[in-house]
Amino acid sequence: MPICAKCSNDVKKVYDCDHTKYEDYCVECYTELHYYITENSKDEDVNC
């Protein structure tokens, strides 16, 4: 089974993209990362 690069758990499926530097992330870590990115983008738009 693949291992998540962030939480080190054995998982069934992993995801990667440029935000993870193409490291394998489990769905929970991947979702958390993109949620954080999205929330920061919203905050920056409000401050403009």
PDB file of N, CA and C in Angstrom:
ATOM      1  N   MET A   1       0.838  -1.190   0.000  1.00  0.00           N
ATOM      2  CA  MET A   1       0.000   0.000   0.000  1.00  0.00           C
ATOM      3  C   MET A   1       0.879   1.248   0.000  1.00  0.00           C
ATOM      4  N   PRO A   2       0.406   2.290  -0.670  1.00  0.00           N
ATOM      5  CA  PRO A   2       1.164   3.548  -0.668  1.00  0.00           C
ATOM      6  C   PRO A   2       1.173   4.193   0.722  1.00  0.00           C
ATOM      7  N   ILE A   3       2.157   5.023   0.950  1.00  0.00           N
ATOM      8  CA  ILE A   3       2.289   5.736   2.220  1.00  0.00           C
ATOM      9  C   ILE A   3       2.222   7.235   1.942  1.00  0.00           C
ATOM     10  N   CYS A   4       1.409   7.931   2.724  1.00  0.00           N
ATOM     11  CA  CYS A   4       1.275   9.382   2.597  1.00  0.00           C
ATOM     12  C   CYS A   4       2.572  10.052   3.045  1.00  0.00           C
ATOM     13  N   ALA A   5       3.067  10.973   2.234  1.00  0.00           N
ATOM     14  CA  ALA A   5       4.315  11.675   2.546  1.00  0.00           C
ATOM     15  C   ALA A   5       4.160  12.634   3.724  1.00  0.00           C
ATOM     16  N   LYS A   6       2.935  13.094   3.972  1.00  0.00           N
ATOM     17  CA  LYS A   6       2.730  14.061   5.049  1.00  0.00           C
ATOM     18  C   LYS A   6       2.466  13.387   6.395  1.00  0.00           C
ATOM     19  N   CYS A   7       1.512  12.443   6.438  1.00  0.00           N
ATOM     20  CA  CYS A   7       1.135  11.837   7.719  1.00  0.00           C
ATOM     21  C   CYS A   7       1.728  10.446   7.931  1.00  0.00           C
ATOM     22  N   SER A   8       2.365   9.901   6.920  1.00  0.00           N
ATOM     23  CA  SER A   8       3.040   8.596   6.975  1.00  0.00           C
ATOM     24  C   SER A   8       2.114   7.405   7.201  1.00  0.00           C
ATOM     25  N   ASN A   9       0.824   7.569   6.919  1.00  0.00           N
ATOM     26  CA  ASN A   9      -0.125   6.467   7.055  1.00  0.00           C
ATOM     27  C   ASN A   9      -0.157   5.626   5.787  1.00  0.00           C
ATOM     28  N   ASP A  10      -0.414   4.331   5.950  1.00  0.00           N
ATOM     29  CA  ASP A  10      -0.680   3.461   4.804  1.00  0.00           C
ATOM     30  C   ASP A  10      -2.084   3.774   4.310  1.00  0.00           C
ATOM     31  N   VAL A  11      -2.222   4.036   3.032  1.00  0.00           N
ATOM     32  CA  VAL A  11      -3.523   4.406   2.469  1.00  0.00           C
ATOM     33  C   VAL A  11      -3.789   3.616   1.199  1.00  0.00           C
ATOM     34  N   LYS A  12      -5.057   3.599   0.783  1.00  0.00           N
ATOM     35  CA  LYS A  12      -5.427   2.875  -0.427  1.00  0.00           C
ATOM     36  C   LYS A  12      -5.059   3.653  -1.684  1.00  0.00           C
ATOM     37  N   LYS A  13      -5.216   4.987  -1.619  1.00  0.00           N
ATOM     38  CA  LYS A  13      -4.991   5.811  -2.803  1.00  0.00           C
ATOM     39  C   LYS A  13      -4.252   7.078  -2.400  1.00  0.00           C
ATOM     40  N   VAL A  14      -3.378   7.551  -3.270  1.00  0.00           N
ATOM     41  CA  VAL A  14      -2.646   8.791  -3.018  1.00  0.00           C
ATOM     42  C   VAL A  14      -2.850   9.763  -4.171  1.00  0.00           C
ATOM     43  N   TYR A  15      -2.627  11.021  -3.884  1.00  0.00           N
ATOM     44  CA  TYR A  15      -2.787  12.099  -4.853  1.00  0.00           C
ATOM     45  C   TYR A  15      -1.531  12.951  -4.827  1.00  0.00           C
ATOM     46  N   ASP A  16      -1.217  13.557  -5.973  1.00  0.00           N
ATOM     47  CA  ASP A  16      -0.092  14.485  -6.016  1.00  0.00           C
ATOM     48  C   ASP A  16      -0.376  15.594  -7.018  1.00  0.00           C
ATOM     49  N   CYS A  17       0.335  16.687  -6.858  1.00  0.00           N
ATOM     50  CA  CYS A  17       0.244  17.823  -7.773  1.00  0.00           C
ATOM     51  C   CYS A  17       1.431  18.738  -7.484  1.00  0.00           C
ATOM     52  N   ASP A  18       1.470  19.865  -8.162  1.00  0.00           N
ATOM     53  CA  ASP A  18       2.584  20.784  -7.931  1.00  0.00           C
ATOM     54  C   ASP A  18       2.569  21.346  -6.507  1.00  0.00           C
ATOM     55  N   HIS A  19       1.386  21.443  -5.875  1.00  0.00           N
ATOM     56  CA  HIS A  19       1.309  21.942  -4.501  1.00  0.00           C
ATOM     57  C   HIS A  19       1.946  20.983  -3.506  1.00  0.00           C
ATOM     58  N   THR A  20       1.942  19.694  -3.802  1.00  0.00           N
ATOM     59  CA  THR A  20       2.557  18.701  -2.914  1.00  0.00           C
ATOM     60  C   THR A  20       3.991  18.402  -3.333  1.00  0.00           C
ATOM     61  N   LYS A  21       4.483  19.159  -4.300  1.00  0.00           N
ATOM     62  CA  LYS A  21       5.817  18.919  -4.883  1.00  0.00           C
ATOM     63  C   LYS A  21       5.904  17.494  -5.434  1.00  0.00           C
ATOM     64  N   TYR A  22       4.747  17.027  -5.931  1.00  0.00           N
ATOM     65  CA  TYR A  22       4.593  15.697  -6.540  1.00  0.00           C
ATOM     66  C   TYR A  22       4.906  14.556  -5.583  1.00  0.00           C
ATOM     67  N   GLU A  23       4.773  14.817  -4.281  1.00  0.00           N
ATOM     68  CA  GLU A  23       4.852  13.753  -3.286  1.00  0.00           C
ATOM     69  C   GLU A  23       3.447  13.183  -3.112  1.00  0.00           C
ATOM     70  N   ASP A  24       3.355  11.929  -2.710  1.00  0.00           N
ATOM     71  CA  ASP A  24       2.066  11.266  -2.554  1.00  0.00           C
ATOM     72  C   ASP A  24       1.408  11.660  -1.238  1.00  0.00           C
ATOM     73  N   TYR A  25       0.182  12.208  -1.316  1.00  0.00           N
ATOM     74  CA  TYR A  25      -0.599  12.594  -0.143  1.00  0.00           C
ATOM     75  C   TYR A  25      -1.878  11.776  -0.107  1.00  0.00           C
ATOM     76  N   CYS A  26      -2.323  11.395   1.087  1.00  0.00           N
ATOM     77  CA  CYS A  26      -3.620  10.728   1.221  1.00  0.00           C
ATOM     78  C   CYS A  26      -4.723  11.764   0.978  1.00  0.00           C
ATOM     79  N   VAL A  27      -5.946  11.296   0.816  1.00  0.00           N
ATOM     80  CA  VAL A  27      -7.040  12.209   0.492  1.00  0.00           C
ATOM     81  C   VAL A  27      -7.246  13.255   1.593  1.00  0.00           C
ATOM     82  N   GLU A  28      -7.083  12.877   2.853  1.00  0.00           N
ATOM     83  CA  GLU A  28      -7.283  13.826   3.944  1.00  0.00           C
ATOM     84  C   GLU A  28      -6.236  14.939   3.915  1.00  0.00           C
ATOM     85  N   CYS A  29      -4.985  14.582   3.769  1.00  0.00           N
ATOM     86  CA  CYS A  29      -3.907  15.579   3.728  1.00  0.00           C
ATOM     87  C   CYS A  29      -3.996  16.434   2.468  1.00  0.00           C
ATOM     88  N   TYR A  30      -4.332  15.808   1.352  1.00  0.00           N
ATOM     89  CA  TYR A  30      -4.452  16.524   0.083  1.00  0.00           C
ATOM     90  C   TYR A  30      -5.590  17.542   0.155  1.00  0.00           C
ATOM     91  N   THR A  31      -6.720  17.118   0.708  1.00  0.00           N
ATOM     92  CA  THR A  31      -7.873  18.014   0.849  1.00  0.00           C
ATOM     93  C   THR A  31      -7.552  19.154   1.801  1.00  0.00           C
ATOM     94  N   GLU A  32      -6.905  18.841   2.916  1.00  0.00           N
ATOM     95  CA  GLU A  32      -6.523  19.864   3.892  1.00  0.00           C
ATOM     96  C   GLU A  32      -5.601  20.905   3.262  1.00  0.00           C
ATOM     97  N   LEU A  33      -4.632  20.458   2.489  1.00  0.00           N
ATOM     98  CA  LEU A  33      -3.702  21.365   1.821  1.00  0.00           C
ATOM     99  C   LEU A  33      -4.440  22.306   0.874  1.00  0.00           C
ATOM    100  N   HIS A  34      -5.335  21.765   0.049  1.00  0.00           N
ATOM    101  CA  HIS A  34      -6.039  22.598  -0.916  1.00  0.00           C
ATOM    102  C   HIS A  34      -7.076  23.498  -0.252  1.00  0.00           C
ATOM    103  N   TYR A  35      -7.654  23.054   0.849  1.00  0.00           N
ATOM    104  CA  TYR A  35      -8.548  23.909   1.616  1.00  0.00           C
ATOM    105  C   TYR A  35      -7.768  25.116   2.145  1.00  0.00           C
ATOM    106  N   TYR A  36      -6.581  24.860   2.691  1.00  0.00           N
ATOM    107  CA  TYR A  36      -5.728  25.926   3.215  1.00  0.00           C
ATOM    108  C   TYR A  36      -5.359  26.917   2.103  1.00  0.00           C
ATOM    109  N   ILE A  37      -4.994  26.401   0.943  1.00  0.00           N
ATOM    110  CA  ILE A  37      -4.639  27.260  -0.190  1.00  0.00           C
ATOM    111  C   ILE A  37      -5.836  28.110  -0.603  1.00  0.00           C
ATOM    112  N   THR A  38      -7.015  27.490  -0.677  1.00  0.00           N
ATOM    113  CA  THR A  38      -8.232  28.199  -1.078  1.00  0.00           C
ATOM    114  C   THR A  38      -8.590  29.281  -0.069  1.00  0.00           C
ATOM    115  N   GLU A  39      -8.524  28.965   1.212  1.00  0.00           N
ATOM    116  CA  GLU A  39      -8.855  29.939   2.246  1.00  0.00           C
ATOM    117  C   GLU A  39      -7.885  31.114   2.225  1.00  0.00           C
ATOM    118  N   ASN A  40      -6.613  30.870   2.020  1.00  0.00           N
ATOM    119  CA  ASN A  40      -5.638  31.957   1.937  1.00  0.00           C
ATOM    120  C   ASN A  40      -5.896  32.823   0.721  1.00  0.00           C
ATOM    121  N   SER A  41      -6.315  32.232  -0.370  1.00  0.00           N
ATOM    122  CA  SER A  41      -6.620  32.998  -1.577  1.00  0.00           C
ATOM    123  C   SER A  41      -7.811  33.914  -1.337  1.00  0.00           C
ATOM    124  N   LYS A  42      -8.818  33.433  -0.624  1.00  0.00           N
ATOM    125  CA  LYS A  42      -9.994  34.253  -0.316  1.00  0.00           C
ATOM    126  C   LYS A  42      -9.599  35.432   0.555  1.00  0.00           C
ATOM    127  N   ASP A  43      -8.764  35.194   1.562  1.00  0.00           N
ATOM    128  CA  ASP A  43      -8.327  36.260   2.453  1.00  0.00           C
ATOM    129  C   ASP A  43      -7.542  37.322   1.704  1.00  0.00           C
ATOM    130  N   GLU A  44      -6.714  36.911   0.772  1.00  0.00           N
ATOM    131  CA  GLU A  44      -5.918  37.858  -0.002  1.00  0.00           C
ATOM    132  C   GLU A  44      -6.806  38.699  -0.906  1.00  0.00           C
ATOM    133  N   ASP A  45      -7.856  38.096  -1.483  1.00  0.00           N
ATOM    134  CA  ASP A  45      -8.767  38.831  -2.350  1.00  0.00           C
ATOM    135  C   ASP A  45      -9.516  39.904  -1.565  1.00  0.00           C
ATOM    136  N   VAL A  46      -9.891  39.617  -0.327  1.00  0.00           N
ATOM    137  CA  VAL A  46     -10.624  40.562   0.502  1.00  0.00           C
ATOM    138  C   VAL A  46      -9.746  41.761   0.833  1.00  0.00           C
ATOM    139  N   ASN A  47      -8.474  41.539   1.043  1.00  0.00           N
ATOM    140  CA  ASN A  47      -7.565  42.611   1.435  1.00  0.00           C
ATOM    141  C   ASN A  47      -7.106  43.482   0.274  1.00  0.00           C
ATOM    142  N   CYS A  48      -7.424  43.108  -0.937  1.00  0.00           N
ATOM    143  CA  CYS A  48      -6.956  43.881  -2.097  1.00  0.00           C
ATOM    144  C   CYS A  48      -7.732  45.159  -2.273  1.00  0.00           C
TER     145      CYS A  48
END
